[in-house]
Amino acid sequence: QVQLVESGGGLVQPGGSLRLSCAASGSSISIYTMGWYRQTPGKQRELVASINSLGRTNYADSVKGRFTISRDNTKNMAHLQMNSLKSEDTAVYYCNAYTPPSSSSWGQGTQVTVSS
C-alpha cells in the first residue's frame, strides 16, 4: 500500500497561484492513477484532476484551463499547479493513488484558502 503526504497548501489572494505536491512512499506510483480531490465542510469530496499511468489527464469543468496535474514517477511524486485561484477553490485538497480493482490510498490533506 502506498503512503501519501501532501504539501504546498496555504493562504493566497484571488488570482494567485499555488503548487500542491504529493509525495508517495512504500510503493512506486508508476502503475497508479494519481488524483487530486477537494472537500469543503458539509460537502462530498470531489475530483479535481487525475492523471493515469499513461499520462492521460482529466479535469473537473470548474478547474479546466486553470489547474494542471502532473506526475514524476522517478521522484514518486504528483503535483497540482493551481493558477487564477478563486474563492470557491477554498477547500482541503487530498491526494489519491488508485489502481484497480480496489487499491486506493489517501493523504491527510492540505488546506487551500483563497481570500483577500
C-alpha atoms as a PDB file:
ATOM      1  CA  GLN A   1       0.000   0.000   0.000  1.00  0.00           C
ATOM      2  CA  VAL A   2       1.348   3.392  -0.930  1.00  0.00           C
ATOM      3  CA  GLN A   3       1.523   6.181   1.650  1.00  0.00           C
ATOM      4  CA  LEU A   4       0.871   9.755   0.540  1.00  0.00           C
ATOM      5  CA  VAL A   5       1.794  13.115   2.054  1.00  0.00           C
ATOM      6  CA  GLU A   6       0.516  16.388   0.616  1.00  0.00           C
ATOM      7  CA  SER A   7       2.214  19.765   0.919  1.00  0.00           C
ATOM      8  CA  GLY A   8       2.040  23.223  -0.579  1.00  0.00           C
ATOM      9  CA  GLY A   9      -1.292  24.463   0.689  1.00  0.00           C
ATOM     10  CA  GLY A  10      -1.770  27.856   2.260  1.00  0.00           C
ATOM     11  CA  LEU A  11      -3.437  31.234   2.031  1.00  0.00           C
ATOM     12  CA  VAL A  12      -3.432  33.008  -1.327  1.00  0.00           C
ATOM     13  CA  GLN A  13      -5.249  36.010  -2.750  1.00  0.00           C
ATOM     14  CA  PRO A  14      -7.783  35.629  -5.562  1.00  0.00           C
ATOM     15  CA  GLY A  15      -5.978  35.405  -8.867  1.00  0.00           C
ATOM     16  CA  GLY A  16      -2.899  33.921  -7.249  1.00  0.00           C
ATOM     17  CA  SER A  17      -1.215  30.565  -7.697  1.00  0.00           C
ATOM     18  CA  LEU A  18      -0.238  27.594  -5.578  1.00  0.00           C
ATOM     19  CA  ARG A  19       1.505  24.343  -6.356  1.00  0.00           C
ATOM     20  CA  LEU A  20       0.490  21.295  -4.372  1.00  0.00           C
ATOM     21  CA  SER A  21       2.785  18.315  -4.088  1.00  0.00           C
ATOM     22  CA  CYS A  22       2.072  14.717  -3.179  1.00  0.00           C
ATOM     23  CA  ALA A  23       4.998  12.604  -2.031  1.00  0.00           C
ATOM     24  CA  ALA A  24       4.498   8.852  -2.178  1.00  0.00           C
ATOM     25  CA  SER A  25       6.341   6.129  -0.300  1.00  0.00           C
ATOM     26  CA  GLY A  26       6.046   2.414   0.199  1.00  0.00           C
ATOM     27  CA  SER A  27       5.453   1.636  -3.442  1.00  0.00           C
ATOM     28  CA  SER A  28       6.172   3.067  -6.866  1.00  0.00           C
ATOM     29  CA  ILE A  29       3.332   5.216  -8.185  1.00  0.00           C
ATOM     30  CA  SER A  30       4.097   4.300 -11.788  1.00  0.00           C
ATOM     31  CA  ILE A  31       1.126   1.916 -12.068  1.00  0.00           C
ATOM     32  CA  TYR A  32      -1.290   4.140 -10.152  1.00  0.00           C
ATOM     33  CA  THR A  33      -3.769   6.692 -11.336  1.00  0.00           C
ATOM     34  CA  MET A  34      -2.972   9.769  -9.261  1.00  0.00           C
ATOM     35  CA  GLY A  35      -5.756  12.138  -8.386  1.00  0.00           C
ATOM     36  CA  TRP A  36      -6.380  15.354  -6.516  1.00  0.00           C
ATOM     37  CA  TYR A  37      -9.686  15.752  -4.721  1.00  0.00           C
ATOM     38  CA  ARG A  38     -11.059  18.545  -2.580  1.00  0.00           C
ATOM     39  CA  GLN A  39     -13.641  18.828   0.136  1.00  0.00           C
ATOM     40  CA  THR A  40     -15.397  21.661   1.929  1.00  0.00           C
ATOM     41  CA  PRO A  41     -17.425  21.330   5.147  1.00  0.00           C
ATOM     42  CA  GLY A  42     -20.766  19.654   4.602  1.00  0.00           C
ATOM     43  CA  LYS A  43     -19.987  18.619   1.048  1.00  0.00           C
ATOM     44  CA  GLN A  44     -18.802  15.423  -0.565  1.00  0.00           C
ATOM     45  CA  ARG A  45     -15.229  15.057  -1.642  1.00  0.00           C
ATOM     46  CA  GLU A  46     -14.975  15.872  -5.340  1.00  0.00           C
ATOM     47  CA  LEU A  47     -12.465  15.014  -8.028  1.00  0.00           C
ATOM     48  CA  VAL A  48     -10.403  17.978  -9.171  1.00  0.00           C
ATOM     49  CA  ALA A  49      -7.972  16.295 -11.554  1.00  0.00           C
ATOM     50  CA  SER A  50      -6.443  12.912 -12.282  1.00  0.00           C
ATOM     51  CA  ILE A  51      -3.607  11.509 -14.345  1.00  0.00           C
ATOM     52  CA  ASN A  52      -3.344   7.846 -15.223  1.00  0.00           C
ATOM     53  CA  SER A  53      -0.256   5.701 -15.644  1.00  0.00           C
ATOM     54  CA  LEU A  54      -0.054   6.660 -19.328  1.00  0.00           C
ATOM     55  CA  GLY A  55      -0.186  10.370 -18.557  1.00  0.00           C
ATOM     56  CA  ARG A  56      -3.778  10.888 -19.649  1.00  0.00           C
ATOM     57  CA  THR A  57      -5.364  13.710 -17.659  1.00  0.00           C
ATOM     58  CA  ASN A  58      -8.893  14.504 -16.611  1.00  0.00           C
ATOM     59  CA  TYR A  59     -10.175  17.724 -15.015  1.00  0.00           C
ATOM     60  CA  ALA A  60     -13.317  18.925 -13.351  1.00  0.00           C
ATOM     61  CA  ASP A  61     -15.032  21.534 -15.519  1.00  0.00           C
ATOM     62  CA  SER A  62     -14.607  24.117 -12.775  1.00  0.00           C
ATOM     63  CA  VAL A  63     -10.801  23.988 -12.973  1.00  0.00           C
ATOM     64  CA  LYS A  64     -10.163  23.382 -16.662  1.00  0.00           C
ATOM     65  CA  GLY A  65      -7.705  25.893 -18.056  1.00  0.00           C
ATOM     66  CA  ARG A  66      -6.573  26.954 -14.571  1.00  0.00           C
ATOM     67  CA  PHE A  67      -5.182  23.798 -12.938  1.00  0.00           C
ATOM     68  CA  THR A  68      -2.586  21.379 -14.263  1.00  0.00           C
ATOM     69  CA  ILE A  69      -1.877  17.944 -12.834  1.00  0.00           C
ATOM     70  CA  SER A  70       1.462  16.258 -13.390  1.00  0.00           C
ATOM     71  CA  ARG A  71       3.429  13.296 -12.155  1.00  0.00           C
ATOM     72  CA  ASP A  72       7.101  12.436 -11.788  1.00  0.00           C
ATOM     73  CA  ASN A  73       7.449   8.690 -11.433  1.00  0.00           C
ATOM     74  CA  THR A  74      11.217   8.974 -10.954  1.00  0.00           C
ATOM     75  CA  LYS A  75      10.651  11.049  -7.813  1.00  0.00           C
ATOM     76  CA  ASN A  76       7.463   9.210  -6.842  1.00  0.00           C
ATOM     77  CA  MET A  77       5.538  12.467  -6.737  1.00  0.00           C
ATOM     78  CA  ALA A  78       2.457  14.122  -8.173  1.00  0.00           C
ATOM     79  CA  HIS A  79       1.707  17.830  -8.388  1.00  0.00           C
ATOM     80  CA  LEU A  80      -1.200  20.146  -8.905  1.00  0.00           C
ATOM     81  CA  GLN A  81      -0.405  23.591 -10.286  1.00  0.00           C
ATOM     82  CA  MET A  82      -3.277  25.926  -9.491  1.00  0.00           C
ATOM     83  CA  ASN A  83      -3.458  29.292 -11.246  1.00  0.00           C
ATOM     84  CA  SER A  84      -6.062  32.049 -11.298  1.00  0.00           C
ATOM     85  CA  LEU A  85      -7.382  30.850  -7.974  1.00  0.00           C
ATOM     86  CA  LYS A  86     -10.891  31.802  -6.916  1.00  0.00           C
ATOM     87  CA  SER A  87     -12.549  31.927  -3.523  1.00  0.00           C
ATOM     88  CA  GLU A  88     -14.590  28.865  -4.488  1.00  0.00           C
ATOM     89  CA  ASP A  89     -11.356  26.869  -4.761  1.00  0.00           C
ATOM     90  CA  THR A  90     -11.023  27.098  -0.986  1.00  0.00           C
ATOM     91  CA  ALA A  91     -11.032  23.549   0.370  1.00  0.00           C
ATOM     92  CA  VAL A  92      -8.947  20.795   1.845  1.00  0.00           C
ATOM     93  CA  TYR A  93      -7.119  19.118  -1.021  1.00  0.00           C
ATOM     94  CA  TYR A  94      -6.364  15.414  -0.899  1.00  0.00           C
ATOM     95  CA  CYS A  95      -4.035  13.285  -2.966  1.00  0.00           C
ATOM     96  CA  ASN A  96      -5.206   9.836  -4.041  1.00  0.00           C
ATOM     97  CA  ALA A  97      -3.445   6.873  -5.604  1.00  0.00           C
ATOM     98  CA  TYR A  98      -5.667   4.267  -7.228  1.00  0.00           C
ATOM     99  CA  THR A  99      -5.101   1.043  -9.066  1.00  0.00           C
ATOM    100  CA  PRO A 100      -7.817  -1.463  -9.895  1.00  0.00           C
ATOM    101  CA  PRO A 101      -9.547  -3.406  -8.688  1.00  0.00           C
ATOM    102  CA  SER A 102      -9.685  -1.794  -5.288  1.00  0.00           C
ATOM    103  CA  SER A 103      -6.376  -0.361  -4.108  1.00  0.00           C
ATOM    104  CA  SER A 104      -6.861   3.251  -3.082  1.00  0.00           C
ATOM    105  CA  SER A 105      -4.744   5.356  -0.757  1.00  0.00           C
ATOM    106  CA  TRP A 106      -5.321   8.866   0.576  1.00  0.00           C
ATOM    107  CA  GLY A 107      -3.123  11.526   2.054  1.00  0.00           C
ATOM    108  CA  GLN A 108      -4.018  13.547   5.121  1.00  0.00           C
ATOM    109  CA  GLY A 109      -4.982  16.637   3.127  1.00  0.00           C
ATOM    110  CA  THR A 110      -3.682  20.172   2.821  1.00  0.00           C
ATOM    111  CA  GLN A 111      -5.739  23.328   3.322  1.00  0.00           C
ATOM    112  CA  VAL A 112      -6.020  25.827   0.496  1.00  0.00           C
ATOM    113  CA  THR A 113      -7.636  29.147   1.343  1.00  0.00           C
ATOM    114  CA  VAL A 114      -8.265  31.763  -1.325  1.00  0.00           C
ATOM    115  CA  SER A 115      -9.119  35.068   0.280  1.00  0.00           C
ATOM    116  CA  SER A 116      -8.190  38.730   0.147  1.00  0.00           C
END
